[in-house]
Amino acid sequence: MTRTPEARVQPVDFLCHAQTLSGMFHPGAGNAEIGVVIVVGGPQTRVGAHRQFVLLARALAAAGYPCLRFDYRGMGDSEGEPRNFLEVQDDIHAAIDCLYAQAPSLKKVALWGLCDGASAAVFYAPGDPRVAGLALLNPWIRTEAGAAAALLSDYYGRRIFSPDFWKKILSGRVNLLARIREFIMNLATAKQTNKTNPSSSLPERFAQGLIGFKGRVLLVLSGNDLTAAEFRSALSAPPLEAAIENSLLAHIELAEANHTFSSAEWRGKVEQATLEWLSTLSM
């Protein structure tokens, strides 16, 4: 798709269960067949951390893809009561309706989500045939045991080989006994199944969403992020292992990036990866 001159962003209001949601529509090419809805993670608004979603939407629209970023009910400028990512399915549906109304040439849409916005997109997508792609960045599948395991493999694993860490130990700036106790507690937690914790169903529900979704998936994981480390650990075990194997998946690792890809370099790499992946949706 050829790049287009940046068009003026347009504020839009649309309804979800008689409550008004607020968004910003970034026009792309006038004959575009693929659009993008940015599903926020958070509690965040449609702007995103360090204006992440604003800058992404501009880049996508400049490349020809109409884009909508919006506030859930109860967030930002939208009406209603606040809700978590497990309760925003109707909000996403209303946002897709709005994008189609703003860009009538569309034939399919991609959902782009970060953290629990990525998880919300996976939970929603199998039920809407308009969704042809999911761009998932550092998806949230937090469980108590999973977080502890990620701490062991990612945080402690990197710290033990850090010269700076051992300098702090020798200088007395770090309490070694406290760190050992902390490690033992996390090790014990990592061995638990947490079957009584409602959040423990998140990996299973995420896997079911991927299995039910027949479109293309872009997975982007940061190297300096506990949420990504937990998801990465879950990739090698059921049920996510089988779900990922059966997906039309593009997987990208950004080794130095943090959770929100806060530098211009990391943001640029995410934008480029998203654009290259979006081009595959028209195949």
C-alpha atoms as a PDB file:
ATOM      1  CA  MET A   1       0.000   0.000   0.000  1.00  0.00           C
ATOM      2  CA  THR A   2       1.397   3.402  -0.901  1.00  0.00           C
ATOM      3  CA  ARG A   3       1.871   6.013   1.780  1.00  0.00           C
ATOM      4  CA  THR A   4      -0.601   8.876   1.905  1.00  0.00           C
ATOM      5  CA  PRO A   5      -0.209  12.445   3.163  1.00  0.00           C
ATOM      6  CA  GLU A   6      -1.218  12.658   6.810  1.00  0.00           C
ATOM      7  CA  ALA A   7      -4.876  13.641   7.060  1.00  0.00           C
ATOM      8  CA  ARG A   8      -6.350  15.615   9.910  1.00  0.00           C
ATOM      9  CA  VAL A   9      -7.375  13.391  12.814  1.00  0.00           C
ATOM     10  CA  GLN A  10     -11.117  13.439  13.474  1.00  0.00           C
ATOM     11  CA  PRO A  11     -12.753  13.194  16.936  1.00  0.00           C
ATOM     12  CA  VAL A  12     -15.592  10.660  16.920  1.00  0.00           C
ATOM     13  CA  ASP A  13     -18.293   9.689  19.398  1.00  0.00           C
ATOM     14  CA  PHE A  14     -20.184   6.409  19.218  1.00  0.00           C
ATOM     15  CA  LEU A  15     -22.581   4.440  21.392  1.00  0.00           C
ATOM     16  CA  CYS A  16     -22.143   1.287  23.413  1.00  0.00           C
ATOM     17  CA  HIS A  17     -25.284   0.294  25.327  1.00  0.00           C
ATOM     18  CA  ALA A  18     -26.606   3.857  25.205  1.00  0.00           C
ATOM     19  CA  GLN A  19     -23.369   5.264  26.635  1.00  0.00           C
ATOM     20  CA  THR A  20     -21.144   7.524  24.569  1.00  0.00           C
ATOM     21  CA  LEU A  21     -17.596   6.431  23.853  1.00  0.00           C
ATOM     22  CA  SER A  22     -14.988   8.895  22.621  1.00  0.00           C
ATOM     23  CA  GLY A  23     -12.304   8.151  20.063  1.00  0.00           C
ATOM     24  CA  MET A  24      -9.995   9.610  17.478  1.00  0.00           C
ATOM     25  CA  PHE A  25     -10.192   8.506  13.860  1.00  0.00           C
ATOM     26  CA  HIS A  26      -7.056   8.726  11.714  1.00  0.00           C
ATOM     27  CA  PRO A  27      -8.053   8.557   8.021  1.00  0.00           C
ATOM     28  CA  GLY A  28      -5.881   6.477   5.760  1.00  0.00           C
ATOM     29  CA  ALA A  29      -6.244   5.829   2.052  1.00  0.00           C
ATOM     30  CA  GLY A  30      -9.716   6.590   0.727  1.00  0.00           C
ATOM     31  CA  ASN A  31     -10.054   3.120  -0.798  1.00  0.00           C
ATOM     32  CA  ALA A  32      -8.441   1.197   2.078  1.00  0.00           C
ATOM     33  CA  GLU A  33      -9.712  -2.338   2.633  1.00  0.00           C
ATOM     34  CA  ILE A  34      -7.913  -2.961   5.940  1.00  0.00           C
ATOM     35  CA  GLY A  35      -8.262  -0.815   9.059  1.00  0.00           C
ATOM     36  CA  VAL A  36      -6.871  -0.965  12.589  1.00  0.00           C
ATOM     37  CA  VAL A  37      -8.533  -0.564  15.983  1.00  0.00           C
ATOM     38  CA  ILE A  38      -6.103   0.082  18.834  1.00  0.00           C
ATOM     39  CA  VAL A  39      -7.305  -1.736  21.952  1.00  0.00           C
ATOM     40  CA  VAL A  40      -5.817   0.017  24.966  1.00  0.00           C
ATOM     41  CA  GLY A  41      -4.239  -1.769  27.889  1.00  0.00           C
ATOM     42  CA  GLY A  42      -4.295  -0.289  31.142  1.00  0.00           C
ATOM     43  CA  PRO A  43      -6.053   1.581  32.904  1.00  0.00           C
ATOM     44  CA  GLN A  44      -5.044   3.836  30.019  1.00  0.00           C
ATOM     45  CA  THR A  45      -6.699   6.253  27.667  1.00  0.00           C
ATOM     46  CA  ARG A  46      -6.521   6.340  23.880  1.00  0.00           C
ATOM     47  CA  VAL A  47      -3.341   8.463  24.087  1.00  0.00           C
ATOM     48  CA  GLY A  48      -1.214   5.704  25.619  1.00  0.00           C
ATOM     49  CA  ALA A  49       1.967   5.916  27.658  1.00  0.00           C
ATOM     50  CA  HIS A  50       4.347   8.547  26.194  1.00  0.00           C
ATOM     51  CA  ARG A  51       1.701   9.174  23.476  1.00  0.00           C
ATOM     52  CA  GLN A  52       2.385   5.706  22.117  1.00  0.00           C
ATOM     53  CA  PHE A  53      -1.035   5.136  20.562  1.00  0.00           C
ATOM     54  CA  VAL A  54      -1.160   8.602  19.019  1.00  0.00           C
ATOM     55  CA  LEU A  55       2.161   8.085  17.263  1.00  0.00           C
ATOM     56  CA  LEU A  56       1.283   4.557  16.160  1.00  0.00           C
ATOM     57  CA  ALA A  57      -2.059   5.658  14.699  1.00  0.00           C
ATOM     58  CA  ARG A  58      -0.358   8.459  12.769  1.00  0.00           C
ATOM     59  CA  ALA A  59       2.187   6.029  11.309  1.00  0.00           C
ATOM     60  CA  LEU A  60      -0.481   3.531  10.271  1.00  0.00           C
ATOM     61  CA  ALA A  61      -2.701   6.189   8.710  1.00  0.00           C
ATOM     62  CA  ALA A  62       0.262   7.676   6.842  1.00  0.00           C
ATOM     63  CA  ALA A  63       0.835   4.228   5.365  1.00  0.00           C
ATOM     64  CA  GLY A  64      -2.795   4.129   4.195  1.00  0.00           C
ATOM     65  CA  TYR A  65      -4.485   2.193   7.016  1.00  0.00           C
ATOM     66  CA  PRO A  66      -7.480   3.935   8.640  1.00  0.00           C
ATOM     67  CA  CYS A  67      -7.061   3.714  12.394  1.00  0.00           C
ATOM     68  CA  LEU A  68      -9.278   4.233  15.437  1.00  0.00           C
ATOM     69  CA  ARG A  69      -8.085   4.658  19.011  1.00  0.00           C
ATOM     70  CA  PHE A  70     -10.747   5.030  21.683  1.00  0.00           C
ATOM     71  CA  ASP A  71     -11.542   5.080  25.391  1.00  0.00           C
ATOM     72  CA  TYR A  72     -13.438   2.202  26.994  1.00  0.00           C
ATOM     73  CA  ARG A  73     -16.588   3.007  28.918  1.00  0.00           C
ATOM     74  CA  GLY A  74     -15.591   4.629  32.201  1.00  0.00           C
ATOM     75  CA  MET A  75     -12.169   5.744  30.951  1.00  0.00           C
ATOM     76  CA  GLY A  76     -10.897   9.034  29.579  1.00  0.00           C
ATOM     77  CA  ASP A  77     -13.693  10.981  27.891  1.00  0.00           C
ATOM     78  CA  SER A  78     -16.121   8.042  27.626  1.00  0.00           C
ATOM     79  CA  GLU A  79     -19.270   7.673  29.702  1.00  0.00           C
ATOM     80  CA  GLY A  80     -20.099   4.808  32.031  1.00  0.00           C
ATOM     81  CA  GLU A  81     -18.479   2.906  34.860  1.00  0.00           C
ATOM     82  CA  PRO A  82     -14.860   1.711  34.686  1.00  0.00           C
ATOM     83  CA  ARG A  83     -14.394  -1.914  33.714  1.00  0.00           C
ATOM     84  CA  ASN A  84     -11.466  -4.287  33.357  1.00  0.00           C
ATOM     85  CA  PHE A  85     -10.164  -6.003  30.242  1.00  0.00           C
ATOM     86  CA  LEU A  86     -12.449  -8.993  30.745  1.00  0.00           C
ATOM     87  CA  GLU A  87     -15.494  -6.726  30.388  1.00  0.00           C
ATOM     88  CA  VAL A  88     -14.803  -4.710  27.234  1.00  0.00           C
ATOM     89  CA  GLN A  89     -16.042  -7.017  24.496  1.00  0.00           C
ATOM     90  CA  ASP A  90     -19.002  -4.774  23.659  1.00  0.00           C
ATOM     91  CA  ASP A  91     -16.745  -1.713  23.660  1.00  0.00           C
ATOM     92  CA  ILE A  92     -14.463  -3.317  21.067  1.00  0.00           C
ATOM     93  CA  HIS A  93     -17.459  -4.313  18.928  1.00  0.00           C
ATOM     94  CA  ALA A  94     -18.793  -0.761  19.010  1.00  0.00           C
ATOM     95  CA  ALA A  95     -15.361   0.610  18.075  1.00  0.00           C
ATOM     96  CA  ILE A  96     -15.144  -1.680  15.036  1.00  0.00           C
ATOM     97  CA  ASP A  97     -18.625  -0.551  13.984  1.00  0.00           C
ATOM     98  CA  CYS A  98     -17.425   3.054  14.270  1.00  0.00           C
ATOM     99  CA  LEU A  99     -14.315   2.427  12.178  1.00  0.00           C
ATOM    100  CA  TYR A 100     -16.385   0.800   9.433  1.00  0.00           C
ATOM    101  CA  ALA A 101     -18.766   3.756   9.470  1.00  0.00           C
ATOM    102  CA  GLN A 102     -15.858   6.194   9.104  1.00  0.00           C
ATOM    103  CA  ALA A 103     -14.128   4.166   6.374  1.00  0.00           C
ATOM    104  CA  PRO A 104     -16.858   2.468   4.285  1.00  0.00           C
ATOM    105  CA  SER A 105     -14.374   0.821   1.908  1.00  0.00           C
ATOM    106  CA  LEU A 106     -13.082  -1.504   4.637  1.00  0.00           C
ATOM    107  CA  LYS A 107     -13.408  -5.258   4.195  1.00  0.00           C
ATOM    108  CA  LYS A 108     -11.500  -6.389   7.276  1.00  0.00           C
ATOM    109  CA  VAL A 109      -9.955  -5.046  10.450  1.00  0.00           C
ATOM    110  CA  ALA A 110      -6.951  -5.777  12.632  1.00  0.00           C
ATOM    111  CA  LEU A 111      -6.923  -5.332  16.400  1.00  0.00           C
ATOM    112  CA  TRP A 112      -3.681  -3.986  17.907  1.00  0.00           C
ATOM    113  CA  GLY A 113      -3.292  -4.398  21.652  1.00  0.00           C
ATOM    114  CA  LEU A 114      -0.658  -4.002  24.353  1.00  0.00           C
ATOM    115  CA  CYS A 115      -0.644  -5.879  27.677  1.00  0.00           C
ATOM    116  CA  ASP A 116      -4.227  -6.651  28.774  1.00  0.00           C
ATOM    117  CA  GLY A 117      -5.427  -4.849  25.640  1.00  0.00           C
ATOM    118  CA  ALA A 118      -3.803  -7.694  23.696  1.00  0.00           C
ATOM    119  CA  SER A 119      -5.599 -10.245  25.847  1.00  0.00           C
ATOM    120  CA  ALA A 120      -8.934  -8.447  25.433  1.00  0.00           C
ATOM    121  CA  ALA A 121      -8.422  -8.517  21.652  1.00  0.00           C
ATOM    122  CA  VAL A 122      -7.773 -12.282  21.696  1.00  0.00           C
ATOM    123  CA  PHE A 123     -10.872 -12.928  23.786  1.00  0.00           C
ATOM    124  CA  TYR A 124     -13.001 -10.860  21.381  1.00  0.00           C
ATOM    125  CA  ALA A 125     -11.710 -11.798  17.940  1.00  0.00           C
ATOM    126  CA  PRO A 126     -13.048 -15.349  17.386  1.00  0.00           C
ATOM    127  CA  GLY A 127     -16.642 -14.098  17.530  1.00  0.00           C
ATOM    128  CA  ASP A 128     -16.327 -11.364  14.887  1.00  0.00           C
ATOM    129  CA  PRO A 129     -15.606 -12.407  11.277  1.00  0.00           C
ATOM    130  CA  ARG A 130     -14.544  -8.846  10.434  1.00  0.00           C
ATOM    131  CA  VAL A 131     -11.342  -9.330  12.455  1.00  0.00           C
ATOM    132  CA  ALA A 132      -8.629 -10.693  10.167  1.00  0.00           C
ATOM    133  CA  GLY A 133      -5.562  -9.990  12.292  1.00  0.00           C
ATOM    134  CA  LEU A 134      -4.344  -9.610  15.864  1.00  0.00           C
ATOM    135  CA  ALA A 135      -1.204  -7.653  16.750  1.00  0.00           C
ATOM    136  CA  LEU A 136      -0.355  -8.683  20.319  1.00  0.00           C
ATOM    137  CA  LEU A 137       2.357  -6.904  22.298  1.00  0.00           C
ATOM    138  CA  ASN A 138       3.457  -8.276  25.679  1.00  0.00           C
ATOM    139  CA  PRO A 139       0.100  -9.990  26.341  1.00  0.00           C
ATOM    140  CA  TRP A 140      -1.141 -10.187  29.927  1.00  0.00           C
ATOM    141  CA  ILE A 141      -1.789 -13.732  31.176  1.00  0.00           C
ATOM    142  CA  ARG A 142      -0.761 -13.095  34.778  1.00  0.00           C
ATOM    143  CA  THR A 143      -1.058 -15.809  37.407  1.00  0.00           C
ATOM    144  CA  GLU A 144       0.647 -15.792  40.782  1.00  0.00           C
ATOM    145  CA  ALA A 145       2.675 -18.871  39.912  1.00  0.00           C
ATOM    146  CA  GLY A 146       3.493 -17.582  36.439  1.00  0.00           C
ATOM    147  CA  ALA A 147       4.725 -14.261  37.776  1.00  0.00           C
ATOM    148  CA  ALA A 148       6.932 -16.005  40.328  1.00  0.00           C
ATOM    149  CA  ALA A 149       8.380 -18.298  37.677  1.00  0.00           C
ATOM    150  CA  ALA A 150       9.104 -15.306  35.451  1.00  0.00           C
ATOM    151  CA  LEU A 151      10.860 -13.566  38.331  1.00  0.00           C
ATOM    152  CA  LEU A 152      13.043 -16.612  38.855  1.00  0.00           C
ATOM    153  CA  SER A 153      14.003 -17.043  35.228  1.00  0.00           C
ATOM    154  CA  ASP A 154      14.175 -13.412  34.135  1.00  0.00           C
ATOM    155  CA  TYR A 155      14.906 -11.119  37.068  1.00  0.00           C
ATOM    156  CA  TYR A 156      17.045 -13.379  39.276  1.00  0.00           C
ATOM    157  CA  GLY A 157      18.636 -15.103  36.290  1.00  0.00           C
ATOM    158  CA  ARG A 158      19.927 -11.795  34.936  1.00  0.00           C
ATOM    159  CA  ARG A 159      20.838 -10.316  38.315  1.00  0.00           C
ATOM    160  CA  ILE A 160      23.046 -13.187  39.436  1.00  0.00           C
ATOM    161  CA  PHE A 161      25.356 -12.571  36.468  1.00  0.00           C
ATOM    162  CA  SER A 162      25.407  -8.790  36.934  1.00  0.00           C
ATOM    163  CA  PRO A 163      28.698  -7.330  38.259  1.00  0.00           C
ATOM    164  CA  ASP A 164      26.744  -4.353  39.595  1.00  0.00           C
ATOM    165  CA  PHE A 165      24.570  -6.676  41.722  1.00  0.00           C
ATOM    166  CA  TRP A 166      27.599  -8.287  43.352  1.00  0.00           C
ATOM    167  CA  LYS A 167      29.194  -4.890  43.963  1.00  0.00           C
ATOM    168  CA  LYS A 168      26.077  -3.900  45.896  1.00  0.00           C
ATOM    169  CA  ILE A 169      26.248  -7.149  47.890  1.00  0.00           C
ATOM    170  CA  LEU A 170      29.903  -6.596  48.842  1.00  0.00           C
ATOM    171  CA  SER A 171      29.309  -2.956  49.711  1.00  0.00           C
ATOM    172  CA  GLY A 172      26.374  -3.824  51.957  1.00  0.00           C
ATOM    173  CA  ARG A 173      23.853  -1.882  49.871  1.00  0.00           C
ATOM    174  CA  VAL A 174      21.893  -5.105  49.236  1.00  0.00           C
ATOM    175  CA  ASN A 175      20.810  -7.410  52.055  1.00  0.00           C
ATOM    176  CA  LEU A 176      21.858 -10.841  50.824  1.00  0.00           C
ATOM    177  CA  LEU A 177      19.814 -12.773  53.391  1.00  0.00           C
ATOM    178  CA  ALA A 178      16.692 -10.801  52.447  1.00  0.00           C
ATOM    179  CA  ARG A 179      17.284 -11.543  48.760  1.00  0.00           C
ATOM    180  CA  ILE A 180      17.704 -15.255  49.537  1.00  0.00           C
ATOM    181  CA  ARG A 181      14.450 -15.327  51.518  1.00  0.00           C
ATOM    182  CA  GLU A 182      12.706 -13.507  48.668  1.00  0.00           C
ATOM    183  CA  PHE A 183      14.079 -16.038  46.176  1.00  0.00           C
ATOM    184  CA  ILE A 184      12.872 -18.998  48.285  1.00  0.00           C
ATOM    185  CA  MET A 185       9.392 -17.485  48.599  1.00  0.00           C
ATOM    186  CA  ASN A 186       9.136 -16.969  44.844  1.00  0.00           C
ATOM    187  CA  LEU A 187      10.440 -20.479  44.219  1.00  0.00           C
ATOM    188  CA  ALA A 188       7.710 -21.923  46.450  1.00  0.00           C
ATOM    189  CA  THR A 189       5.055 -19.828  44.759  1.00  0.00           C
ATOM    190  CA  ALA A 190       6.245 -20.900  41.309  1.00  0.00           C
ATOM    191  CA  LYS A 191       5.618 -24.518  42.228  1.00  0.00           C
ATOM    192  CA  GLN A 192       1.998 -23.894  43.159  1.00  0.00           C
ATOM    193  CA  THR A 193      -0.805 -24.580  40.709  1.00  0.00           C
ATOM    194  CA  ASN A 194      -3.053 -21.756  42.008  1.00  0.00           C
ATOM    195  CA  LYS A 195      -6.164 -23.569  40.865  1.00  0.00           C
ATOM    196  CA  THR A 196      -8.267 -21.474  43.246  1.00  0.00           C
ATOM    197  CA  ASN A 197      -7.063 -18.184  41.778  1.00  0.00           C
ATOM    198  CA  PRO A 198      -9.493 -16.891  39.095  1.00  0.00           C
ATOM    199  CA  SER A 199      -6.607 -15.336  37.168  1.00  0.00           C
ATOM    200  CA  SER A 200      -5.095 -18.804  36.688  1.00  0.00           C
ATOM    201  CA  SER A 201      -7.603 -19.344  33.859  1.00  0.00           C
ATOM    202  CA  LEU A 202      -6.051 -16.553  31.795  1.00  0.00           C
ATOM    203  CA  PRO A 203      -3.481 -18.725  29.951  1.00  0.00           C
ATOM    204  CA  GLU A 204      -6.197 -21.264  29.114  1.00  0.00           C
ATOM    205  CA  ARG A 205      -8.640 -18.598  27.973  1.00  0.00           C
ATOM    206  CA  PHE A 206      -5.928 -16.912  25.893  1.00  0.00           C
ATOM    207  CA  ALA A 207      -5.090 -20.243  24.242  1.00  0.00           C
ATOM    208  CA  GLN A 208      -8.750 -20.915  23.500  1.00  0.00           C
ATOM    209  CA  GLY A 209      -9.051 -17.503  21.871  1.00  0.00           C
ATOM    210  CA  LEU A 210      -6.057 -18.171  19.620  1.00  0.00           C
ATOM    211  CA  ILE A 211      -7.356 -21.606  18.687  1.00  0.00           C
ATOM    212  CA  GLY A 212     -10.740 -20.127  17.772  1.00  0.00           C
ATOM    213  CA  PHE A 213      -9.236 -17.306  15.725  1.00  0.00           C
ATOM    214  CA  LYS A 214      -8.524 -18.112  12.066  1.00  0.00           C
ATOM    215  CA  GLY A 215      -6.709 -14.928  11.038  1.00  0.00           C
ATOM    216  CA  ARG A 216      -3.069 -13.871  11.223  1.00  0.00           C
ATOM    217  CA  VAL A 217      -1.274 -13.042  14.450  1.00  0.00           C
ATOM    218  CA  LEU A 218       1.695 -10.787  15.175  1.00  0.00           C
ATOM    219  CA  LEU A 219       3.352 -11.409  18.547  1.00  0.00           C
ATOM    220  CA  VAL A 220       5.900  -8.862  19.790  1.00  0.00           C
ATOM    221  CA  LEU A 221       7.698  -9.490  23.091  1.00  0.00           C
ATOM    222  CA  SER A 222      10.047  -7.186  24.980  1.00  0.00           C
ATOM    223  CA  GLY A 223      13.244  -8.498  26.498  1.00  0.00           C
ATOM    224  CA  ASN A 224      13.145  -6.197  29.522  1.00  0.00           C
ATOM    225  CA  ASP A 225       9.619  -6.802  30.809  1.00  0.00           C
ATOM    226  CA  LEU A 226       8.202  -9.189  33.407  1.00  0.00           C
ATOM    227  CA  THR A 227       4.838  -9.483  31.605  1.00  0.00           C
ATOM    228  CA  ALA A 228       6.624 -10.587  28.433  1.00  0.00           C
ATOM    229  CA  ALA A 229       8.857 -12.945  30.410  1.00  0.00           C
ATOM    230  CA  GLU A 230       5.806 -14.653  31.899  1.00  0.00           C
ATOM    231  CA  PHE A 231       4.179 -15.007  28.490  1.00  0.00           C
ATOM    232  CA  ARG A 232       7.436 -16.293  26.990  1.00  0.00           C
ATOM    233  CA  SER A 233       7.665 -18.963  29.697  1.00  0.00           C
ATOM    234  CA  ALA A 234       4.104 -20.068  28.994  1.00  0.00           C
ATOM    235  CA  LEU A 235       4.829 -20.534  25.279  1.00  0.00           C
ATOM    236  CA  SER A 236       6.705 -23.784  25.906  1.00  0.00           C
ATOM    237  CA  ALA A 237       3.929 -25.421  27.905  1.00  0.00           C
ATOM    238  CA  PRO A 238       0.318 -26.422  27.261  1.00  0.00           C
ATOM    239  CA  PRO A 239      -2.116 -24.986  26.466  1.00  0.00           C
ATOM    240  CA  LEU A 240      -0.352 -22.067  24.761  1.00  0.00           C
ATOM    241  CA  GLU A 241       2.246 -24.212  23.041  1.00  0.00           C
ATOM    242  CA  ALA A 242      -0.329 -25.987  20.865  1.00  0.00           C
ATOM    243  CA  ALA A 243      -2.325 -22.793  20.260  1.00  0.00           C
ATOM    244  CA  ILE A 244       0.755 -20.939  19.018  1.00  0.00           C
ATOM    245  CA  GLU A 245       1.836 -23.814  16.792  1.00  0.00           C
ATOM    246  CA  ASN A 246      -1.561 -23.795  15.073  1.00  0.00           C
ATOM    247  CA  SER A 247      -1.636 -20.000  14.528  1.00  0.00           C
ATOM    248  CA  LEU A 248      -0.608 -18.053  11.439  1.00  0.00           C
ATOM    249  CA  LEU A 249       1.990 -16.404  13.625  1.00  0.00           C
ATOM    250  CA  ALA A 250       4.776 -13.873  13.145  1.00  0.00           C
ATOM    251  CA  HIS A 251       6.907 -13.668  16.314  1.00  0.00           C
ATOM    252  CA  ILE A 252       9.314 -10.790  16.986  1.00  0.00           C
ATOM    253  CA  GLU A 253      11.607 -10.276  19.981  1.00  0.00           C
ATOM    254  CA  LEU A 254      12.959  -6.819  20.905  1.00  0.00           C
ATOM    255  CA  ALA A 255      15.690  -7.760  23.363  1.00  0.00           C
ATOM    256  CA  GLU A 256      16.303  -4.376  25.019  1.00  0.00           C
ATOM    257  CA  ALA A 257      12.767  -2.977  24.918  1.00  0.00           C
ATOM    258  CA  ASN A 258      10.671  -2.311  28.011  1.00  0.00           C
ATOM    259  CA  HIS A 259       6.967  -2.978  28.468  1.00  0.00           C
ATOM    260  CA  THR A 260       5.657   0.048  26.541  1.00  0.00           C
ATOM    261  CA  PHE A 261       8.487   0.356  23.979  1.00  0.00           C
ATOM    262  CA  SER A 262       9.198   3.815  25.339  1.00  0.00           C
ATOM    263  CA  SER A 263      12.157   4.870  23.185  1.00  0.00           C
ATOM    264  CA  ALA A 264      11.886   6.235  19.653  1.00  0.00           C
ATOM    265  CA  GLU A 265      13.990   3.314  18.425  1.00  0.00           C
ATOM    266  CA  TRP A 266      11.763   0.656  19.970  1.00  0.00           C
ATOM    267  CA  ARG A 267       8.601   2.465  18.900  1.00  0.00           C
ATOM    268  CA  GLY A 268       9.911   2.651  15.339  1.00  0.00           C
ATOM    269  CA  LYS A 269      10.641  -1.070  15.285  1.00  0.00           C
ATOM    270  CA  VAL A 270       7.111  -1.827  16.512  1.00  0.00           C
ATOM    271  CA  GLU A 271       5.609   0.438  13.850  1.00  0.00           C
ATOM    272  CA  GLN A 272       7.691  -1.187  11.098  1.00  0.00           C
ATOM    273  CA  ALA A 273       6.842  -4.698  12.279  1.00  0.00           C
ATOM    274  CA  THR A 274       3.148  -3.784  12.392  1.00  0.00           C
ATOM    275  CA  LEU A 275       3.195  -2.334   8.873  1.00  0.00           C
ATOM    276  CA  GLU A 276       5.021  -5.330   7.414  1.00  0.00           C
ATOM    277  CA  TRP A 277       2.562  -7.666   9.116  1.00  0.00           C
ATOM    278  CA  LEU A 278      -0.491  -5.678   7.993  1.00  0.00           C
ATOM    279  CA  SER A 279       0.636  -6.121   4.386  1.00  0.00           C
ATOM    280  CA  THR A 280       0.201  -9.895   4.808  1.00  0.00           C
ATOM    281  CA  LEU A 281      -3.500  -9.499   5.665  1.00  0.00           C
ATOM    282  CA  SER A 282      -4.322  -8.620   2.076  1.00  0.00           C
ATOM    283  CA  MET A 283      -2.760 -11.827   0.750  1.00  0.00           C
END
